[in-house]
């Protein structure tokens, strides 16, 4: 049985290959290099095979962004499930994801993809819509100024790594991560309350 015949029977495998190749091309050559021809060729499928999964180049690019967000969403949810303290839970998970992303084998690839995709206004809106929805969902537990500072700082570390500016993050990235996580915790009540005075 030929590989083409086997792949036809596995549409999810073909779809994933198309997304991965589009992501790789975007990361290595920029968003403009993502074409129907380049992605189909790299994935080893016909243009018709690509169009079976994605009706246009824009649909393919939207699919790459959706995949990146889905991976982040899954990682955030998994980390939140393991955190027993509701206050700041989303922010801690987000910060952990940004720092863990720096350690992943494919981190540079996904970072470059996201940077490339953010050049597109509709994709920025997709990201913004996802993030805004998450903030609204966790407004009660993650709405403090310290939470916003921690998330923005984690984004900054992620972007610094993307641009090869790790030195800007200081000598101990783990200490920085720890400090950001500490900022997400509920402030300790002062031992000297006004009633004690």
N, C-alpha and C. Protein backbone atom coordinates (compact mmCIF):
# COMPACT_ATOMS: atom_id res chain seq x y z
N UNK A 1 0.85 -1.18 0.00
CA UNK A 1 0.00 0.00 0.00
C UNK A 1 0.89 1.24 0.00
N UNK A 2 0.62 2.20 -0.87
CA UNK A 2 1.46 3.38 -0.99
C UNK A 2 1.27 4.32 0.20
N UNK A 3 2.30 5.18 0.41
CA UNK A 3 2.22 6.15 1.50
C UNK A 3 1.07 7.13 1.25
N UNK A 4 0.87 7.51 -0.01
CA UNK A 4 -0.21 8.44 -0.34
C UNK A 4 -1.56 7.82 0.03
N UNK A 5 -1.73 6.53 -0.25
CA UNK A 5 -2.99 5.86 0.07
C UNK A 5 -3.19 5.82 1.59
N UNK A 6 -2.12 5.50 2.31
CA UNK A 6 -2.20 5.45 3.78
C UNK A 6 -2.54 6.82 4.35
N UNK A 7 -1.91 7.89 3.81
CA UNK A 7 -2.15 9.23 4.33
C UNK A 7 -3.57 9.68 4.05
N UNK A 8 -4.14 9.23 2.90
CA UNK A 8 -5.52 9.61 2.61
C UNK A 8 -6.47 9.06 3.65
N UNK A 9 -6.10 7.95 4.23
CA UNK A 9 -6.95 7.33 5.25
C UNK A 9 -6.76 7.99 6.62
N UNK A 10 -5.79 8.91 6.71
CA UNK A 10 -5.49 9.57 7.98
C UNK A 10 -5.55 11.09 7.80
N UNK A 11 -6.75 11.64 7.64
CA UNK A 11 -6.85 13.08 7.39
C UNK A 11 -6.27 13.94 8.51
N UNK A 12 -6.33 13.48 9.75
CA UNK A 12 -5.76 14.26 10.85
C UNK A 12 -4.25 14.36 10.73
N UNK A 13 -3.61 13.28 10.25
CA UNK A 13 -2.16 13.29 10.05
C UNK A 13 -1.79 14.29 8.96
N UNK A 14 -2.55 14.31 7.89
CA UNK A 14 -2.29 15.24 6.78
C UNK A 14 -2.51 16.68 7.26
N UNK A 15 -3.60 16.91 7.95
CA UNK A 15 -3.89 18.26 8.44
C UNK A 15 -2.78 18.75 9.36
N UNK A 16 -2.33 17.89 10.28
CA UNK A 16 -1.25 18.27 11.20
C UNK A 16 0.03 18.55 10.42
N UNK A 17 0.33 17.74 9.42
CA UNK A 17 1.55 17.97 8.62
C UNK A 17 1.47 19.31 7.90
N UNK A 18 0.31 19.65 7.37
CA UNK A 18 0.14 20.93 6.69
C UNK A 18 0.35 22.10 7.67
N UNK A 19 -0.22 21.98 8.85
CA UNK A 19 -0.05 23.03 9.86
C UNK A 19 1.41 23.16 10.29
N UNK A 20 2.06 22.03 10.49
CA UNK A 20 3.46 22.05 10.93
C UNK A 20 4.36 22.66 9.86
N UNK A 21 4.12 22.30 8.61
CA UNK A 21 4.95 22.85 7.54
C UNK A 21 4.69 24.34 7.34
N UNK A 22 3.43 24.75 7.43
CA UNK A 22 3.12 26.18 7.32
C UNK A 22 3.80 26.94 8.46
N UNK A 23 3.76 26.37 9.65
CA UNK A 23 4.39 27.00 10.82
C UNK A 23 5.90 27.08 10.62
N UNK A 24 6.49 26.00 10.13
CA UNK A 24 7.95 25.98 9.92
C UNK A 24 8.36 27.03 8.90
N UNK A 25 7.61 27.12 7.81
CA UNK A 25 7.93 28.11 6.78
C UNK A 25 7.78 29.52 7.33
N UNK A 26 6.70 29.77 8.06
CA UNK A 26 6.49 31.10 8.65
C UNK A 26 7.63 31.46 9.60
N UNK A 27 8.06 30.49 10.38
CA UNK A 27 9.13 30.73 11.36
C UNK A 27 10.46 31.00 10.68
N UNK A 28 10.76 30.23 9.63
CA UNK A 28 12.08 30.33 8.99
C UNK A 28 12.17 31.41 7.93
N UNK A 29 11.05 31.65 7.24
CA UNK A 29 11.12 32.55 6.08
C UNK A 29 10.14 33.72 6.16
N UNK A 30 9.30 33.74 7.16
CA UNK A 30 8.32 34.82 7.29
C UNK A 30 6.97 34.42 6.72
N UNK A 31 5.97 35.16 7.11
CA UNK A 31 4.59 34.86 6.73
C UNK A 31 4.38 34.93 5.23
N UNK A 32 5.06 35.85 4.55
CA UNK A 32 4.90 36.01 3.11
C UNK A 32 5.33 34.75 2.33
N UNK A 33 6.22 33.97 2.92
CA UNK A 33 6.70 32.76 2.24
C UNK A 33 5.72 31.60 2.36
N UNK A 34 4.70 31.74 3.19
CA UNK A 34 3.70 30.68 3.33
C UNK A 34 2.75 30.79 2.14
N UNK A 35 2.94 29.88 1.19
CA UNK A 35 2.07 29.83 0.02
C UNK A 35 1.45 28.44 -0.08
N UNK A 36 0.41 28.34 -0.85
CA UNK A 36 -0.22 27.04 -1.06
C UNK A 36 0.80 26.06 -1.62
N UNK A 37 1.55 26.50 -2.64
CA UNK A 37 2.55 25.63 -3.26
C UNK A 37 3.62 25.19 -2.28
N UNK A 38 4.19 26.15 -1.52
CA UNK A 38 5.30 25.81 -0.62
C UNK A 38 4.87 24.86 0.48
N UNK A 39 3.68 25.08 1.02
CA UNK A 39 3.22 24.23 2.12
C UNK A 39 2.85 22.84 1.61
N UNK A 40 2.15 22.77 0.48
CA UNK A 40 1.77 21.46 -0.08
C UNK A 40 3.02 20.65 -0.41
N UNK A 41 3.99 21.29 -1.03
CA UNK A 41 5.24 20.60 -1.39
C UNK A 41 5.97 20.10 -0.14
N UNK A 42 6.11 20.98 0.85
CA UNK A 42 6.82 20.61 2.08
C UNK A 42 6.12 19.48 2.82
N UNK A 43 4.79 19.46 2.77
CA UNK A 43 4.03 18.42 3.47
C UNK A 43 3.89 17.15 2.64
N UNK A 44 4.29 17.21 1.38
CA UNK A 44 4.21 16.03 0.52
C UNK A 44 2.79 15.69 0.09
N UNK A 45 1.98 16.72 -0.11
CA UNK A 45 0.61 16.51 -0.58
C UNK A 45 0.36 17.38 -1.81
N UNK A 46 -0.69 17.08 -2.53
CA UNK A 46 -1.06 17.90 -3.67
C UNK A 46 -1.74 19.17 -3.18
N UNK A 47 -1.84 20.16 -4.08
CA UNK A 47 -2.58 21.37 -3.71
C UNK A 47 -4.04 21.02 -3.41
N UNK A 48 -4.57 20.06 -4.17
CA UNK A 48 -5.94 19.61 -3.91
C UNK A 48 -6.08 19.02 -2.51
N UNK A 49 -5.05 18.29 -2.09
CA UNK A 49 -5.06 17.73 -0.74
C UNK A 49 -5.05 18.81 0.31
N UNK A 50 -4.28 19.87 0.05
CA UNK A 50 -4.26 21.00 0.99
C UNK A 50 -5.63 21.67 1.02
N UNK A 51 -6.20 21.90 -0.18
CA UNK A 51 -7.50 22.58 -0.23
C UNK A 51 -8.62 21.75 0.39
N UNK A 52 -8.42 20.45 0.49
CA UNK A 52 -9.40 19.61 1.18
C UNK A 52 -9.50 20.01 2.67
N UNK A 53 -8.38 20.41 3.23
CA UNK A 53 -8.32 20.78 4.66
C UNK A 53 -8.47 22.28 4.89
N UNK A 54 -7.94 23.08 3.98
CA UNK A 54 -7.95 24.54 4.13
C UNK A 54 -8.35 25.15 2.79
N UNK A 55 -9.42 25.93 2.79
CA UNK A 55 -9.98 26.44 1.54
C UNK A 55 -9.16 27.56 0.91
N UNK A 56 -8.24 28.13 1.67
CA UNK A 56 -7.43 29.23 1.15
C UNK A 56 -6.15 29.35 1.98
N UNK A 57 -5.24 30.18 1.48
CA UNK A 57 -4.01 30.45 2.23
C UNK A 57 -4.37 31.07 3.58
N UNK A 58 -5.33 31.99 3.59
CA UNK A 58 -5.72 32.64 4.84
C UNK A 58 -6.29 31.62 5.83
N UNK A 59 -7.07 30.67 5.32
CA UNK A 59 -7.61 29.63 6.21
C UNK A 59 -6.49 28.79 6.80
N UNK A 60 -5.45 28.53 6.02
CA UNK A 60 -4.29 27.78 6.51
C UNK A 60 -3.57 28.58 7.60
N UNK A 61 -3.34 29.86 7.35
CA UNK A 61 -2.66 30.71 8.33
C UNK A 61 -3.50 30.83 9.59
N UNK A 62 -4.82 30.99 9.41
CA UNK A 62 -5.72 31.03 10.58
C UNK A 62 -5.62 29.71 11.35
N UNK A 63 -5.47 28.61 10.62
CA UNK A 63 -5.33 27.30 11.27
C UNK A 63 -4.06 27.20 12.09
N UNK A 64 -2.97 27.78 11.59
CA UNK A 64 -1.71 27.78 12.35
C UNK A 64 -1.88 28.57 13.64
N UNK A 65 -2.53 29.72 13.54
CA UNK A 65 -2.75 30.55 14.74
C UNK A 65 -3.66 29.81 15.72
N UNK A 66 -4.71 29.20 15.20
CA UNK A 66 -5.62 28.45 16.07
C UNK A 66 -4.89 27.31 16.77
N UNK A 67 -3.99 26.66 16.05
CA UNK A 67 -3.20 25.56 16.63
C UNK A 67 -2.30 26.08 17.75
N UNK A 68 -1.64 27.22 17.51
CA UNK A 68 -0.76 27.80 18.54
C UNK A 68 -1.57 28.16 19.78
N UNK A 69 -2.73 28.76 19.59
CA UNK A 69 -3.58 29.13 20.73
C UNK A 69 -4.10 27.89 21.45
N UNK A 70 -4.48 26.87 20.68
CA UNK A 70 -4.98 25.63 21.29
C UNK A 70 -3.90 24.97 22.14
N UNK A 71 -2.66 24.97 21.66
CA UNK A 71 -1.56 24.39 22.44
C UNK A 71 -1.35 25.18 23.73
N UNK A 72 -1.40 26.49 23.63
CA UNK A 72 -1.25 27.32 24.83
C UNK A 72 -2.42 27.10 25.78
N UNK A 73 -3.62 27.07 25.25
CA UNK A 73 -4.82 26.86 26.08
C UNK A 73 -4.72 25.54 26.84
N UNK A 74 -4.31 24.50 26.15
CA UNK A 74 -4.17 23.18 26.77
C UNK A 74 -3.13 23.21 27.90
N UNK A 75 -2.02 23.88 27.65
CA UNK A 75 -0.96 23.97 28.64
C UNK A 75 -1.42 24.79 29.85
N UNK A 76 -2.09 25.91 29.60
CA UNK A 76 -2.60 26.75 30.69
C UNK A 76 -3.59 25.95 31.54
N UNK A 77 -4.53 25.30 30.88
CA UNK A 77 -5.55 24.52 31.61
C UNK A 77 -4.91 23.42 32.47
N UNK A 78 -3.94 22.73 31.91
CA UNK A 78 -3.27 21.65 32.64
C UNK A 78 -2.57 22.20 33.88
N UNK A 79 -1.92 23.33 33.74
CA UNK A 79 -1.22 23.94 34.87
C UNK A 79 -2.22 24.46 35.91
N UNK A 80 -3.34 25.01 35.46
CA UNK A 80 -4.35 25.51 36.40
C UNK A 80 -4.96 24.36 37.21
N UNK A 81 -5.16 23.22 36.56
CA UNK A 81 -5.74 22.07 37.27
C UNK A 81 -4.85 21.60 38.40
N UNK A 82 -3.54 21.82 38.28
CA UNK A 82 -2.61 21.39 39.31
C UNK A 82 -2.35 22.43 40.39
N UNK A 83 -3.05 23.55 40.32
CA UNK A 83 -2.84 24.65 41.27
C UNK A 83 -4.05 24.77 42.19
N UNK A 84 -3.90 24.47 43.47
CA UNK A 84 -5.06 24.47 44.37
C UNK A 84 -5.55 25.87 44.78
N UNK A 85 -4.75 26.90 44.58
CA UNK A 85 -5.12 28.25 45.02
C UNK A 85 -5.75 29.04 43.88
N UNK A 86 -7.05 29.36 43.98
CA UNK A 86 -7.73 30.08 42.89
C UNK A 86 -7.16 31.48 42.62
N UNK A 87 -6.80 32.22 43.67
CA UNK A 87 -6.33 33.58 43.50
C UNK A 87 -5.04 33.60 42.67
N UNK A 88 -5.07 34.21 41.49
CA UNK A 88 -3.88 34.31 40.64
C UNK A 88 -3.57 33.06 39.85
N UNK A 89 -4.44 32.07 39.88
CA UNK A 89 -4.18 30.77 39.24
C UNK A 89 -3.91 30.91 37.73
N UNK A 90 -4.76 31.65 37.04
CA UNK A 90 -4.56 31.82 35.60
C UNK A 90 -3.22 32.50 35.31
N UNK A 91 -2.91 33.53 36.06
CA UNK A 91 -1.66 34.26 35.83
C UNK A 91 -0.46 33.38 36.10
N UNK A 92 -0.50 32.59 37.17
CA UNK A 92 0.62 31.68 37.44
C UNK A 92 0.79 30.69 36.29
N UNK A 93 -0.32 30.16 35.82
CA UNK A 93 -0.26 29.20 34.71
C UNK A 93 0.31 29.87 33.46
N UNK A 94 -0.13 31.08 33.19
CA UNK A 94 0.35 31.81 32.01
C UNK A 94 1.84 32.10 32.12
N UNK A 95 2.27 32.60 33.28
CA UNK A 95 3.69 32.88 33.49
C UNK A 95 4.50 31.60 33.32
N UNK A 96 4.05 30.51 33.93
CA UNK A 96 4.75 29.24 33.79
C UNK A 96 4.84 28.80 32.33
N UNK A 97 3.76 28.99 31.59
CA UNK A 97 3.77 28.63 30.17
C UNK A 97 4.79 29.45 29.39
N UNK A 98 4.85 30.73 29.65
CA UNK A 98 5.79 31.59 28.93
C UNK A 98 7.23 31.17 29.23
N UNK A 99 7.50 30.86 30.49
CA UNK A 99 8.86 30.44 30.85
C UNK A 99 9.15 29.03 30.36
N UNK A 100 8.17 28.13 30.45
CA UNK A 100 8.38 26.75 29.97
C UNK A 100 8.57 26.74 28.47
N UNK A 101 7.90 27.66 27.78
CA UNK A 101 8.01 27.74 26.33
C UNK A 101 9.45 27.99 25.91
N UNK A 102 10.20 28.69 26.76
CA UNK A 102 11.59 28.99 26.46
C UNK A 102 12.46 27.74 26.52
N UNK A 103 12.00 26.72 27.25
CA UNK A 103 12.78 25.50 27.44
C UNK A 103 12.41 24.39 26.45
N UNK A 104 11.26 24.54 25.80
CA UNK A 104 10.80 23.48 24.89
C UNK A 104 11.70 23.39 23.67
N UNK A 105 11.80 22.20 23.13
CA UNK A 105 12.63 21.96 21.95
C UNK A 105 12.16 22.79 20.77
N UNK A 106 10.85 22.92 20.61
CA UNK A 106 10.32 23.66 19.48
C UNK A 106 9.96 25.11 19.83
N UNK A 107 10.48 25.60 20.96
CA UNK A 107 10.10 26.94 21.42
C UNK A 107 10.45 28.02 20.42
N UNK A 108 11.65 27.97 19.88
CA UNK A 108 12.07 28.99 18.91
C UNK A 108 11.14 28.99 17.70
N UNK A 109 10.77 27.78 17.26
CA UNK A 109 9.87 27.66 16.12
C UNK A 109 8.55 28.37 16.41
N UNK A 110 7.91 28.01 17.53
CA UNK A 110 6.61 28.60 17.85
C UNK A 110 6.73 30.08 18.15
N UNK A 111 7.82 30.50 18.77
CA UNK A 111 8.00 31.92 19.04
C UNK A 111 8.10 32.70 17.74
N UNK A 112 8.87 32.18 16.80
CA UNK A 112 9.01 32.85 15.50
C UNK A 112 7.69 32.86 14.75
N UNK A 113 6.95 31.77 14.85
CA UNK A 113 5.64 31.70 14.20
C UNK A 113 4.73 32.78 14.75
N UNK A 114 4.66 32.84 16.07
CA UNK A 114 3.76 33.82 16.70
C UNK A 114 4.17 35.24 16.34
N UNK A 115 5.47 35.52 16.33
CA UNK A 115 5.93 36.86 15.95
C UNK A 115 5.53 37.16 14.51
N UNK A 116 5.69 36.19 13.65
CA UNK A 116 5.32 36.36 12.25
C UNK A 116 3.82 36.57 12.10
N UNK A 117 3.06 35.76 12.82
CA UNK A 117 1.61 35.85 12.72
C UNK A 117 1.09 37.17 13.28
N UNK A 118 1.78 37.71 14.27
CA UNK A 118 1.32 38.95 14.88
C UNK A 118 1.45 40.15 13.92
N UNK A 119 2.15 39.96 12.81
CA UNK A 119 2.24 41.01 11.80
C UNK A 119 0.93 41.16 11.04
N UNK A 120 0.05 40.21 11.19
CA UNK A 120 -1.24 40.20 10.49
C UNK A 120 -2.33 40.70 11.44
N UNK A 121 -3.05 41.75 11.05
CA UNK A 121 -4.04 42.38 11.92
C UNK A 121 -5.15 41.42 12.34
N UNK A 122 -5.61 40.57 11.44
CA UNK A 122 -6.70 39.65 11.81
C UNK A 122 -6.21 38.60 12.80
N UNK A 123 -4.94 38.20 12.68
CA UNK A 123 -4.40 37.22 13.62
C UNK A 123 -4.13 37.86 14.98
N UNK A 124 -3.72 39.12 14.98
CA UNK A 124 -3.57 39.83 16.26
C UNK A 124 -4.92 39.90 16.96
N UNK A 125 -5.97 40.12 16.19
CA UNK A 125 -7.31 40.17 16.77
C UNK A 125 -7.70 38.81 17.34
N UNK A 126 -7.33 37.73 16.64
CA UNK A 126 -7.61 36.39 17.15
C UNK A 126 -6.94 36.19 18.50
N UNK A 127 -5.66 36.57 18.59
CA UNK A 127 -4.93 36.46 19.85
C UNK A 127 -5.57 37.34 20.93
N UNK A 128 -5.87 38.58 20.57
CA UNK A 128 -6.46 39.52 21.51
C UNK A 128 -7.81 39.01 22.02
N UNK A 129 -8.61 38.47 21.12
CA UNK A 129 -9.92 37.93 21.53
C UNK A 129 -9.75 36.79 22.51
N UNK A 130 -8.79 35.89 22.25
CA UNK A 130 -8.56 34.76 23.16
C UNK A 130 -8.12 35.28 24.53
N UNK A 131 -7.16 36.19 24.51
CA UNK A 131 -6.61 36.67 25.78
C UNK A 131 -7.65 37.48 26.56
N UNK A 132 -8.39 38.32 25.86
CA UNK A 132 -9.44 39.11 26.52
C UNK A 132 -10.50 38.21 27.15
N UNK A 133 -10.88 37.15 26.44
CA UNK A 133 -11.86 36.20 26.99
C UNK A 133 -11.31 35.52 28.24
N UNK A 134 -10.04 35.16 28.22
CA UNK A 134 -9.43 34.52 29.40
C UNK A 134 -9.40 35.49 30.57
N UNK A 135 -9.04 36.74 30.31
CA UNK A 135 -9.00 37.73 31.39
C UNK A 135 -10.39 37.96 31.97
N UNK A 136 -11.39 38.00 31.10
CA UNK A 136 -12.77 38.19 31.58
C UNK A 136 -13.21 36.99 32.42
N UNK A 137 -12.86 35.79 31.98
CA UNK A 137 -13.23 34.58 32.71
C UNK A 137 -12.59 34.54 34.09
N UNK A 138 -11.40 35.10 34.21
CA UNK A 138 -10.66 35.04 35.48
C UNK A 138 -10.53 36.40 36.14
N UNK A 139 -11.45 37.31 35.83
CA UNK A 139 -11.37 38.68 36.36
C UNK A 139 -11.37 38.71 37.89
N UNK A 140 -12.18 37.87 38.52
CA UNK A 140 -12.26 37.89 39.99
C UNK A 140 -10.97 37.42 40.65
N UNK A 141 -10.31 36.45 40.05
CA UNK A 141 -9.13 35.86 40.67
C UNK A 141 -7.82 36.42 40.13
N UNK A 142 -7.85 37.04 38.95
CA UNK A 142 -6.61 37.48 38.30
C UNK A 142 -6.69 38.91 37.79
N UNK A 143 -7.48 39.74 38.47
CA UNK A 143 -7.69 41.10 38.02
C UNK A 143 -6.85 42.15 38.72
N UNK A 144 -5.99 41.74 39.64
CA UNK A 144 -5.18 42.71 40.38
C UNK A 144 -4.06 43.26 39.48
N UNK A 145 -3.60 44.46 39.80
CA UNK A 145 -2.51 45.09 39.06
C UNK A 145 -1.27 44.19 39.04
N UNK A 146 -0.99 43.53 40.16
CA UNK A 146 0.18 42.65 40.22
C UNK A 146 0.08 41.50 39.21
N UNK A 147 -1.14 41.04 38.97
CA UNK A 147 -1.32 39.97 37.98
C UNK A 147 -1.00 40.48 36.58
N UNK A 148 -1.48 41.67 36.27
CA UNK A 148 -1.18 42.26 34.96
C UNK A 148 0.32 42.47 34.79
N UNK A 149 0.97 42.97 35.82
CA UNK A 149 2.42 43.19 35.77
C UNK A 149 3.14 41.86 35.52
N UNK A 150 2.76 40.82 36.23
CA UNK A 150 3.41 39.51 36.08
C UNK A 150 3.22 38.97 34.66
N UNK A 151 1.99 39.08 34.12
CA UNK A 151 1.74 38.59 32.76
C UNK A 151 2.56 39.37 31.74
N UNK A 152 2.56 40.69 31.88
CA UNK A 152 3.30 41.52 30.92
C UNK A 152 4.81 41.27 31.02
N UNK A 153 5.30 41.08 32.21
CA UNK A 153 6.73 40.77 32.38
C UNK A 153 7.07 39.42 31.74
N UNK A 154 6.19 38.44 31.93
CA UNK A 154 6.43 37.12 31.32
C UNK A 154 6.43 37.24 29.80
N UNK A 155 5.52 38.04 29.25
CA UNK A 155 5.52 38.28 27.81
C UNK A 155 6.84 38.92 27.38
N UNK A 156 7.32 39.85 28.18
CA UNK A 156 8.59 40.51 27.87
C UNK A 156 9.76 39.54 27.85
N UNK A 157 9.79 38.63 28.81
CA UNK A 157 10.85 37.61 28.84
C UNK A 157 10.77 36.74 27.60
N UNK A 158 9.56 36.35 27.25
CA UNK A 158 9.34 35.51 26.07
C UNK A 158 9.83 36.22 24.81
N UNK A 159 9.46 37.50 24.67
CA UNK A 159 9.89 38.26 23.50
C UNK A 159 11.40 38.49 23.50
N UNK A 160 11.97 38.75 24.66
CA UNK A 160 13.43 38.93 24.74
C UNK A 160 14.14 37.68 24.27
N UNK A 161 13.63 36.52 24.66
CA UNK A 161 14.22 35.26 24.22
C UNK A 161 14.09 35.10 22.70
N UNK A 162 12.94 35.46 22.17
CA UNK A 162 12.71 35.37 20.73
C UNK A 162 13.74 36.17 19.95
N UNK A 163 14.07 37.35 20.46
CA UNK A 163 15.00 38.23 19.75
C UNK A 163 16.44 38.04 20.19
N UNK A 164 16.73 36.97 20.93
CA UNK A 164 18.09 36.68 21.34
C UNK A 164 18.63 37.64 22.38
N UNK A 165 17.76 38.19 23.19
CA UNK A 165 18.17 39.18 24.20
C UNK A 165 18.02 38.61 25.61
N UNK A 166 18.37 37.34 25.80
CA UNK A 166 18.20 36.69 27.09
C UNK A 166 18.93 37.42 28.20
N UNK A 167 20.03 38.10 27.88
CA UNK A 167 20.80 38.82 28.90
C UNK A 167 19.95 39.92 29.54
N UNK A 168 18.99 40.44 28.80
CA UNK A 168 18.11 41.47 29.33
C UNK A 168 17.26 40.95 30.50
N UNK A 169 17.12 39.64 30.60
CA UNK A 169 16.28 39.03 31.64
C UNK A 169 17.05 38.81 32.93
N UNK A 170 18.33 39.14 32.94
CA UNK A 170 19.13 38.94 34.14
C UNK A 170 19.79 37.58 34.14
N UNK A 171 20.70 37.38 35.09
CA UNK A 171 21.48 36.15 35.10
C UNK A 171 20.69 34.91 35.54
N UNK A 172 19.60 35.09 36.25
CA UNK A 172 18.88 33.95 36.79
C UNK A 172 17.41 34.01 36.41
N UNK A 173 17.10 33.37 35.30
CA UNK A 173 15.72 33.38 34.81
C UNK A 173 14.77 32.68 35.77
N UNK A 174 15.25 31.67 36.47
CA UNK A 174 14.41 30.97 37.45
C UNK A 174 14.02 31.89 38.61
N UNK A 175 14.97 32.74 39.04
CA UNK A 175 14.66 33.69 40.11
C UNK A 175 13.62 34.71 39.62
N UNK A 176 13.74 35.13 38.38
CA UNK A 176 12.77 36.06 37.80
C UNK A 176 11.39 35.41 37.74
N UNK A 177 11.34 34.19 37.27
CA UNK A 177 10.08 33.46 37.22
C UNK A 177 9.48 33.34 38.62
N UNK A 178 10.31 32.98 39.60
CA UNK A 178 9.85 32.84 40.98
C UNK A 178 9.27 34.14 41.53
N UNK A 179 9.92 35.26 41.20
CA UNK A 179 9.43 36.55 41.68
C UNK A 179 8.08 36.89 41.04
N UNK A 180 7.94 36.59 39.76
CA UNK A 180 6.66 36.86 39.08
C UNK A 180 5.56 35.98 39.67
N UNK A 181 5.87 34.71 39.93
CA UNK A 181 4.88 33.83 40.54
C UNK A 181 4.49 34.34 41.92
N UNK A 182 5.48 34.80 42.68
CA UNK A 182 5.22 35.34 44.02
C UNK A 182 4.26 36.54 43.94
N UNK A 183 4.38 37.34 42.90
CA UNK A 183 3.50 38.51 42.73
C UNK A 183 2.04 38.11 42.53
N UNK A 184 1.79 36.88 42.12
CA UNK A 184 0.42 36.44 41.83
C UNK A 184 -0.31 35.95 43.07
N UNK A 185 0.40 35.79 44.15
CA UNK A 185 -0.20 35.27 45.38
C UNK A 185 -0.95 36.38 46.11
N UNK A 186 -1.93 36.00 46.89
CA UNK A 186 -2.70 36.96 47.68
C UNK A 186 -1.75 37.62 48.69
N UNK A 187 -1.80 38.95 48.79
CA UNK A 187 -0.92 39.62 49.75
C UNK A 187 -1.21 39.14 51.17
N UNK A 188 -0.16 38.96 51.95
CA UNK A 188 -0.32 38.54 53.35
C UNK A 188 -0.93 39.70 54.13
N UNK A 189 -1.81 39.35 55.03
CA UNK A 189 -2.43 40.37 55.89
C UNK A 189 -1.38 40.86 56.88
N UNK A 190 -1.37 42.14 57.10
CA UNK A 190 -0.42 42.71 58.06
C UNK A 190 -0.75 42.21 59.46
N UNK A 191 0.27 41.89 60.21
CA UNK A 191 0.05 41.42 61.58
C UNK A 191 -0.47 42.55 62.47
N UNK A 192 -0.09 43.77 62.13
CA UNK A 192 -0.53 44.92 62.92
C UNK A 192 -1.71 45.58 62.24
N UNK A 193 -2.89 45.12 62.56
CA UNK A 193 -4.08 45.74 61.98
C UNK A 193 -4.44 46.97 62.78
N UNK A 194 -5.34 47.77 62.25
CA UNK A 194 -5.74 49.00 62.96
C UNK A 194 -6.41 48.68 64.29
N UNK A 195 -7.03 47.50 64.41
CA UNK A 195 -7.68 47.13 65.67
C UNK A 195 -6.66 46.88 66.78
N UNK A 196 -5.44 46.50 66.39
CA UNK A 196 -4.42 46.21 67.39
C UNK A 196 -3.77 47.47 67.94
N UNK A 197 -3.99 48.59 67.29
CA UNK A 197 -3.32 49.83 67.70
C UNK A 197 -4.03 50.50 68.82
